[in-house]
Amino acid sequence: MNKIVVYTRNGCMQCRMTKRYLDEHHVDFKEINISESPASADYLREKGFSSVPLVFSEKSEQPIAGFRPAELEKLVG
């Protein structure tokens, strides 16, 4: 099974759209909200990321940044 982790923050429209897309396609994922987990925000900054959503998947070497339906489709298909 492909493990998927989605980093989000409060008030982020693209985060909501990404989660909705995954839910509608019955994709299991773990959400980490950086608004509620400052250590996770620090971790992402250390890795060079400055925005969310970020979708990490075992199927891809690079995370999907932002709401990218075409890229998310690759995870569902």
PDB file of N, CA and C in Angstrom:
ATOM      1  N   MET A   1       0.846  -1.190   0.000  1.00  0.00           N
ATOM      2  CA  MET A   1       0.000   0.000   0.000  1.00  0.00           C
ATOM      3  C   MET A   1       0.886   1.248   0.000  1.00  0.00           C
ATOM      4  N   ASN A   2       0.519   2.227  -0.775  1.00  0.00           N
ATOM      5  CA  ASN A   2       1.247   3.481  -0.911  1.00  0.00           C
ATOM      6  C   ASN A   2       0.918   4.396   0.263  1.00  0.00           C
ATOM      7  N   LYS A   3       1.928   4.727   1.068  1.00  0.00           N
ATOM      8  CA  LYS A   3       1.705   5.641   2.187  1.00  0.00           C
ATOM      9  C   LYS A   3       1.769   7.076   1.679  1.00  0.00           C
ATOM     10  N   ILE A   4       0.768   7.862   2.079  1.00  0.00           N
ATOM     11  CA  ILE A   4       0.685   9.257   1.658  1.00  0.00           C
ATOM     12  C   ILE A   4       0.553  10.133   2.898  1.00  0.00           C
ATOM     13  N   VAL A   5       1.362  11.183   2.938  1.00  0.00           N
ATOM     14  CA  VAL A   5       1.315  12.155   4.026  1.00  0.00           C
ATOM     15  C   VAL A   5       1.075  13.524   3.396  1.00  0.00           C
ATOM     16  N   VAL A   6       0.071  14.233   3.918  1.00  0.00           N
ATOM     17  CA  VAL A   6      -0.270  15.558   3.413  1.00  0.00           C
ATOM     18  C   VAL A   6      -0.022  16.579   4.518  1.00  0.00           C
ATOM     19  N   TYR A   7       0.877  17.515   4.244  1.00  0.00           N
ATOM     20  CA  TYR A   7       1.133  18.619   5.166  1.00  0.00           C
ATOM     21  C   TYR A   7       0.200  19.767   4.802  1.00  0.00           C
ATOM     22  N   THR A   8      -0.499  20.294   5.801  1.00  0.00           N
ATOM     23  CA  THR A   8      -1.484  21.351   5.599  1.00  0.00           C
ATOM     24  C   THR A   8      -1.287  22.428   6.664  1.00  0.00           C
ATOM     25  N   ARG A   9      -2.082  23.500   6.548  1.00  0.00           N
ATOM     26  CA  ARG A   9      -2.154  24.508   7.606  1.00  0.00           C
ATOM     27  C   ARG A   9      -3.581  25.019   7.672  1.00  0.00           C
ATOM     28  N   ASN A  10      -3.921  25.617   8.776  1.00  0.00           N
ATOM     29  CA  ASN A  10      -5.262  26.185   8.952  1.00  0.00           C
ATOM     30  C   ASN A  10      -5.489  27.306   7.941  1.00  0.00           C
ATOM     31  N   GLY A  11      -6.715  27.384   7.410  1.00  0.00           N
ATOM     32  CA  GLY A  11      -7.102  28.470   6.518  1.00  0.00           C
ATOM     33  C   GLY A  11      -6.542  28.375   5.108  1.00  0.00           C
ATOM     34  N   CYS A  12      -6.044  27.226   4.721  1.00  0.00           N
ATOM     35  CA  CYS A  12      -5.417  27.052   3.403  1.00  0.00           C
ATOM     36  C   CYS A  12      -6.415  26.410   2.429  1.00  0.00           C
ATOM     37  N   MET A  13      -6.855  27.202   1.433  1.00  0.00           N
ATOM     38  CA  MET A  13      -7.835  26.700   0.464  1.00  0.00           C
ATOM     39  C   MET A  13      -7.261  25.539  -0.358  1.00  0.00           C
ATOM     40  N   GLN A  14      -6.024  25.664  -0.801  1.00  0.00           N
ATOM     41  CA  GLN A  14      -5.420  24.585  -1.597  1.00  0.00           C
ATOM     42  C   GLN A  14      -5.288  23.301  -0.773  1.00  0.00           C
ATOM     43  N   CYS A  15      -5.050  23.451   0.520  1.00  0.00           N
ATOM     44  CA  CYS A  15      -4.975  22.278   1.405  1.00  0.00           C
ATOM     45  C   CYS A  15      -6.335  21.578   1.455  1.00  0.00           C
ATOM     46  N   ARG A  16      -7.396  22.374   1.627  1.00  0.00           N
ATOM     47  CA  ARG A  16      -8.746  21.794   1.668  1.00  0.00           C
ATOM     48  C   ARG A  16      -9.079  21.099   0.355  1.00  0.00           C
ATOM     49  N   MET A  17      -8.712  21.712  -0.765  1.00  0.00           N
ATOM     50  CA  MET A  17      -9.014  21.124  -2.072  1.00  0.00           C
ATOM     51  C   MET A  17      -8.235  19.827  -2.278  1.00  0.00           C
ATOM     52  N   THR A  18      -6.993  19.797  -1.821  1.00  0.00           N
ATOM     53  CA  THR A  18      -6.181  18.580  -1.946  1.00  0.00           C
ATOM     54  C   THR A  18      -6.774  17.454  -1.111  1.00  0.00           C
ATOM     55  N   LYS A  19      -7.141  17.749   0.124  1.00  0.00           N
ATOM     56  CA  LYS A  19      -7.735  16.723   0.985  1.00  0.00           C
ATOM     57  C   LYS A  19      -9.067  16.239   0.423  1.00  0.00           C
ATOM     58  N   ARG A  20      -9.872  17.177  -0.091  1.00  0.00           N
ATOM     59  CA  ARG A  20     -11.159  16.783  -0.673  1.00  0.00           C
ATOM     60  C   ARG A  20     -10.947  15.862  -1.873  1.00  0.00           C
ATOM     61  N   TYR A  21      -9.986  16.208  -2.724  1.00  0.00           N
ATOM     62  CA  TYR A  21      -9.695  15.376  -3.897  1.00  0.00           C
ATOM     63  C   TYR A  21      -9.320  13.954  -3.456  1.00  0.00           C
ATOM     64  N   LEU A  22      -8.440  13.847  -2.491  1.00  0.00           N
ATOM     65  CA  LEU A  22      -8.019  12.523  -2.023  1.00  0.00           C
ATOM     66  C   LEU A  22      -9.179  11.774  -1.386  1.00  0.00           C
ATOM     67  N   ASP A  23      -9.993  12.461  -0.585  1.00  0.00           N
ATOM     68  CA  ASP A  23     -11.168  11.827   0.025  1.00  0.00           C
ATOM     69  C   ASP A  23     -12.142  11.328  -1.033  1.00  0.00           C
ATOM     70  N   GLU A  24     -12.423  12.164  -2.037  1.00  0.00           N
ATOM     71  CA  GLU A  24     -13.379  11.785  -3.084  1.00  0.00           C
ATOM     72  C   GLU A  24     -12.894  10.593  -3.898  1.00  0.00           C
ATOM     73  N   HIS A  25     -11.590  10.389  -3.942  1.00  0.00           N
ATOM     74  CA  HIS A  25     -11.029   9.255  -4.682  1.00  0.00           C
ATOM     75  C   HIS A  25     -10.647   8.102  -3.752  1.00  0.00           C
ATOM     76  N   HIS A  26     -11.137   8.173  -2.514  1.00  0.00           N
ATOM     77  CA  HIS A  26     -10.959   7.104  -1.521  1.00  0.00           C
ATOM     78  C   HIS A  26      -9.498   6.749  -1.306  1.00  0.00           C
ATOM     79  N   VAL A  27      -8.668   7.782  -1.193  1.00  0.00           N
ATOM     80  CA  VAL A  27      -7.244   7.597  -0.943  1.00  0.00           C
ATOM     81  C   VAL A  27      -6.988   7.825   0.542  1.00  0.00           C
ATOM     82  N   ASP A  28      -6.402   6.824   1.197  1.00  0.00           N
ATOM     83  CA  ASP A  28      -6.047   6.969   2.601  1.00  0.00           C
ATOM     84  C   ASP A  28      -4.788   7.822   2.709  1.00  0.00           C
ATOM     85  N   PHE A  29      -4.801   8.757   3.631  1.00  0.00           N
ATOM     86  CA  PHE A  29      -3.620   9.598   3.834  1.00  0.00           C
ATOM     87  C   PHE A  29      -3.571  10.049   5.285  1.00  0.00           C
ATOM     88  N   LYS A  30      -2.379  10.419   5.701  1.00  0.00           N
ATOM     89  CA  LYS A  30      -2.184  10.981   7.029  1.00  0.00           C
ATOM     90  C   LYS A  30      -1.997  12.479   6.855  1.00  0.00           C
ATOM     91  N   GLU A  31      -2.745  13.263   7.630  1.00  0.00           N
ATOM     92  CA  GLU A  31      -2.615  14.720   7.572  1.00  0.00           C
ATOM     93  C   GLU A  31      -1.767  15.208   8.732  1.00  0.00           C
ATOM     94  N   ILE A  32      -0.825  16.092   8.429  1.00  0.00           N
ATOM     95  CA  ILE A  32      -0.051  16.768   9.459  1.00  0.00           C
ATOM     96  C   ILE A  32      -0.274  18.260   9.277  1.00  0.00           C
ATOM     97  N   ASN A  33      -0.932  18.867  10.243  1.00  0.00           N
ATOM     98  CA  ASN A  33      -1.266  20.292  10.185  1.00  0.00           C
ATOM     99  C   ASN A  33      -0.141  21.072  10.854  1.00  0.00           C
ATOM    100  N   ILE A  34       0.593  21.859  10.067  1.00  0.00           N
ATOM    101  CA  ILE A  34       1.738  22.590  10.615  1.00  0.00           C
ATOM    102  C   ILE A  34       1.306  23.731  11.533  1.00  0.00           C
ATOM    103  N   SER A  35       0.045  24.149  11.455  1.00  0.00           N
ATOM    104  CA  SER A  35      -0.462  25.166  12.385  1.00  0.00           C
ATOM    105  C   SER A  35      -0.548  24.589  13.796  1.00  0.00           C
ATOM    106  N   GLU A  36      -0.768  23.301  13.872  1.00  0.00           N
ATOM    107  CA  GLU A  36      -0.907  22.630  15.164  1.00  0.00           C
ATOM    108  C   GLU A  36       0.369  21.917  15.579  1.00  0.00           C
ATOM    109  N   SER A  37       1.338  21.816  14.666  1.00  0.00           N
ATOM    110  CA  SER A  37       2.590  21.124  14.947  1.00  0.00           C
ATOM    111  C   SER A  37       3.764  21.963  14.461  1.00  0.00           C
ATOM    112  N   PRO A  38       4.191  22.930  15.276  1.00  0.00           N
ATOM    113  CA  PRO A  38       5.306  23.789  14.872  1.00  0.00           C
ATOM    114  C   PRO A  38       6.580  23.016  14.522  1.00  0.00           C
ATOM    115  N   ALA A  39       6.796  21.882  15.163  1.00  0.00           N
ATOM    116  CA  ALA A  39       7.979  21.070  14.852  1.00  0.00           C
ATOM    117  C   ALA A  39       7.918  20.577  13.410  1.00  0.00           C
ATOM    118  N   SER A  40       6.723  20.270  12.927  1.00  0.00           N
ATOM    119  CA  SER A  40       6.564  19.835  11.533  1.00  0.00           C
ATOM    120  C   SER A  40       6.851  20.982  10.576  1.00  0.00           C
ATOM    121  N   ALA A  41       6.442  22.175  10.942  1.00  0.00           N
ATOM    122  CA  ALA A  41       6.729  23.361  10.118  1.00  0.00           C
ATOM    123  C   ALA A  41       8.234  23.575  10.049  1.00  0.00           C
ATOM    124  N   ASP A  42       8.909  23.426  11.176  1.00  0.00           N
ATOM    125  CA  ASP A  42      10.370  23.560  11.206  1.00  0.00           C
ATOM    126  C   ASP A  42      11.027  22.508  10.322  1.00  0.00           C
ATOM    127  N   TYR A  43      10.524  21.273  10.394  1.00  0.00           N
ATOM    128  CA  TYR A  43      11.048  20.178   9.584  1.00  0.00           C
ATOM    129  C   TYR A  43      10.954  20.517   8.095  1.00  0.00           C
ATOM    130  N   LEU A  44       9.799  21.020   7.666  1.00  0.00           N
ATOM    131  CA  LEU A  44       9.615  21.358   6.250  1.00  0.00           C
ATOM    132  C   LEU A  44      10.545  22.491   5.827  1.00  0.00           C
ATOM    133  N   ARG A  45      10.694  23.497   6.687  1.00  0.00           N
ATOM    134  CA  ARG A  45      11.604  24.604   6.376  1.00  0.00           C
ATOM    135  C   ARG A  45      13.045  24.108   6.242  1.00  0.00           C
ATOM    136  N   GLU A  46      13.455  23.199   7.127  1.00  0.00           N
ATOM    137  CA  GLU A  46      14.804  22.628   7.058  1.00  0.00           C
ATOM    138  C   GLU A  46      15.028  21.885   5.743  1.00  0.00           C
ATOM    139  N   LYS A  47      13.960  21.296   5.205  1.00  0.00           N
ATOM    140  CA  LYS A  47      14.042  20.557   3.939  1.00  0.00           C
ATOM    141  C   LYS A  47      13.918  21.477   2.728  1.00  0.00           C
ATOM    142  N   GLY A  48      13.716  22.783   2.971  1.00  0.00           N
ATOM    143  CA  GLY A  48      13.667  23.753   1.885  1.00  0.00           C
ATOM    144  C   GLY A  48      12.280  24.089   1.372  1.00  0.00           C
ATOM    145  N   PHE A  49      11.249  23.643   2.059  1.00  0.00           N
ATOM    146  CA  PHE A  49       9.879  23.921   1.629  1.00  0.00           C
ATOM    147  C   PHE A  49       9.340  25.134   2.373  1.00  0.00           C
ATOM    148  N   SER A  50       8.571  25.947   1.656  1.00  0.00           N
ATOM    149  CA  SER A  50       8.050  27.155   2.288  1.00  0.00           C
ATOM    150  C   SER A  50       6.540  27.303   2.159  1.00  0.00           C
ATOM    151  N   SER A  51       5.875  26.328   1.565  1.00  0.00           N
ATOM    152  CA  SER A  51       4.426  26.437   1.421  1.00  0.00           C
ATOM    153  C   SER A  51       3.781  25.057   1.516  1.00  0.00           C
ATOM    154  N   VAL A  52       2.497  25.067   1.746  1.00  0.00           N
ATOM    155  CA  VAL A  52       1.694  23.852   1.781  1.00  0.00           C
ATOM    156  C   VAL A  52       0.501  24.063   0.862  1.00  0.00           C
ATOM    157  N   PRO A  53      -0.189  23.058   0.429  1.00  0.00           N
ATOM    158  CA  PRO A  53      -0.018  21.673   0.832  1.00  0.00           C
ATOM    159  C   PRO A  53       1.206  21.036   0.168  1.00  0.00           C
ATOM    160  N   LEU A  54       1.718  20.043   0.864  1.00  0.00           N
ATOM    161  CA  LEU A  54       2.764  19.187   0.324  1.00  0.00           C
ATOM    162  C   LEU A  54       2.287  17.757   0.492  1.00  0.00           C
ATOM    163  N   VAL A  55       2.293  17.011  -0.602  1.00  0.00           N
ATOM    164  CA  VAL A  55       1.845  15.628  -0.577  1.00  0.00           C
ATOM    165  C   VAL A  55       3.057  14.740  -0.823  1.00  0.00           C
ATOM    166  N   PHE A  56       3.413  13.981   0.197  1.00  0.00           N
ATOM    167  CA  PHE A  56       4.525  13.035   0.084  1.00  0.00           C
ATOM    168  C   PHE A  56       3.951  11.648  -0.140  1.00  0.00           C
ATOM    169  N   SER A  57       4.564  10.924  -1.082  1.00  0.00           N
ATOM    170  CA  SER A  57       4.097   9.597  -1.431  1.00  0.00           C
ATOM    171  C   SER A  57       5.292   8.682  -1.672  1.00  0.00           C
ATOM    172  N   GLU A  58       5.130   7.422  -1.333  1.00  0.00           N
ATOM    173  CA  GLU A  58       6.186   6.446  -1.610  1.00  0.00           C
ATOM    174  C   GLU A  58       6.382   6.256  -3.113  1.00  0.00           C
ATOM    175  N   LYS A  59       5.370   6.585  -3.907  1.00  0.00           N
ATOM    176  CA  LYS A  59       5.453   6.415  -5.358  1.00  0.00           C
ATOM    177  C   LYS A  59       6.270   7.506  -6.048  1.00  0.00           C
ATOM    178  N   SER A  60       6.576   8.579  -5.336  1.00  0.00           N
ATOM    179  CA  SER A  60       7.231   9.720  -5.966  1.00  0.00           C
ATOM    180  C   SER A  60       8.418  10.186  -5.133  1.00  0.00           C
ATOM    181  N   GLU A  61       9.501  10.527  -5.821  1.00  0.00           N
ATOM    182  CA  GLU A  61      10.682  11.035  -5.121  1.00  0.00           C
ATOM    183  C   GLU A  61      10.465  12.461  -4.637  1.00  0.00           C
ATOM    184  N   GLN A  62       9.719  13.252  -5.406  1.00  0.00           N
ATOM    185  CA  GLN A  62       9.439  14.642  -5.060  1.00  0.00           C
ATOM    186  C   GLN A  62       7.995  14.775  -4.585  1.00  0.00           C
ATOM    187  N   PRO A  63       7.775  15.602  -3.564  1.00  0.00           N
ATOM    188  CA  PRO A  63       6.391  15.812  -3.123  1.00  0.00           C
ATOM    189  C   PRO A  63       5.621  16.652  -4.137  1.00  0.00           C
ATOM    190  N   ILE A  64       4.317  16.542  -4.070  1.00  0.00           N
ATOM    191  CA  ILE A  64       3.436  17.378  -4.881  1.00  0.00           C
ATOM    192  C   ILE A  64       3.184  18.642  -4.067  1.00  0.00           C
ATOM    193  N   ALA A  65       3.541  19.780  -4.624  1.00  0.00           N
ATOM    194  CA  ALA A  65       3.371  21.058  -3.932  1.00  0.00           C
ATOM    195  C   ALA A  65       2.168  21.782  -4.510  1.00  0.00           C
ATOM    196  N   GLY A  66       1.272  22.217  -3.641  1.00  0.00           N
ATOM    197  CA  GLY A  66       0.074  22.909  -4.095  1.00  0.00           C
ATOM    198  C   GLY A  66      -1.004  21.926  -4.505  1.00  0.00           C
ATOM    199  N   PHE A  67      -2.143  22.468  -4.948  1.00  0.00           N
ATOM    200  CA  PHE A  67      -3.237  21.624  -5.425  1.00  0.00           C
ATOM    201  C   PHE A  67      -2.999  21.346  -6.899  1.00  0.00           C
ATOM    202  N   ARG A  68      -2.596  20.127  -7.216  1.00  0.00           N
ATOM    203  CA  ARG A  68      -2.248  19.713  -8.578  1.00  0.00           C
ATOM    204  C   ARG A  68      -3.029  18.454  -8.947  1.00  0.00           C
ATOM    205  N   PRO A  69      -4.268  18.621  -9.444  1.00  0.00           N
ATOM    206  CA  PRO A  69      -5.102  17.463  -9.753  1.00  0.00           C
ATOM    207  C   PRO A  69      -4.433  16.459 -10.695  1.00  0.00           C
ATOM    208  N   ALA A  70      -3.707  16.927 -11.694  1.00  0.00           N
ATOM    209  CA  ALA A  70      -3.067  16.003 -12.645  1.00  0.00           C
ATOM    210  C   ALA A  70      -2.017  15.150 -11.937  1.00  0.00           C
ATOM    211  N   GLU A  71      -1.300  15.746 -11.001  1.00  0.00           N
ATOM    212  CA  GLU A  71      -0.296  14.990 -10.248  1.00  0.00           C
ATOM    213  C   GLU A  71      -0.963  14.054  -9.233  1.00  0.00           C
ATOM    214  N   LEU A  72      -2.032  14.533  -8.600  1.00  0.00           N
ATOM    215  CA  LEU A  72      -2.753  13.698  -7.650  1.00  0.00           C
ATOM    216  C   LEU A  72      -3.376  12.499  -8.345  1.00  0.00           C
ATOM    217  N   GLU A  73      -3.784  12.687  -9.594  1.00  0.00           N
ATOM    218  CA  GLU A  73      -4.380  11.582 -10.369  1.00  0.00           C
ATOM    219  C   GLU A  73      -3.411  10.401 -10.460  1.00  0.00           C
ATOM    220  N   LYS A  74      -2.128  10.690 -10.529  1.00  0.00           N
ATOM    221  CA  LYS A  74      -1.119   9.627 -10.602  1.00  0.00           C
ATOM    222  C   LYS A  74      -1.106   8.791  -9.333  1.00  0.00           C
ATOM    223  N   LEU A  75      -1.466   9.391  -8.206  1.00  0.00           N
ATOM    224  CA  LEU A  75      -1.520   8.651  -6.952  1.00  0.00           C
ATOM    225  C   LEU A  75      -2.757   7.771  -6.877  1.00  0.00           C
ATOM    226  N   VAL A  76      -3.831   8.218  -7.508  1.00  0.00           N
ATOM    227  CA  VAL A  76      -5.084   7.469  -7.446  1.00  0.00           C
ATOM    228  C   VAL A  76      -5.147   6.352  -8.459  1.00  0.00           C
ATOM    229  N   GLY A  77      -4.517   6.568  -9.586  1.00  0.00           N
ATOM    230  CA  GLY A  77      -4.598   5.612 -10.676  1.00  0.00           C
ATOM    231  C   GLY A  77      -3.751   4.392 -10.523  1.00  0.00           C
TER     232      GLY A  77
END
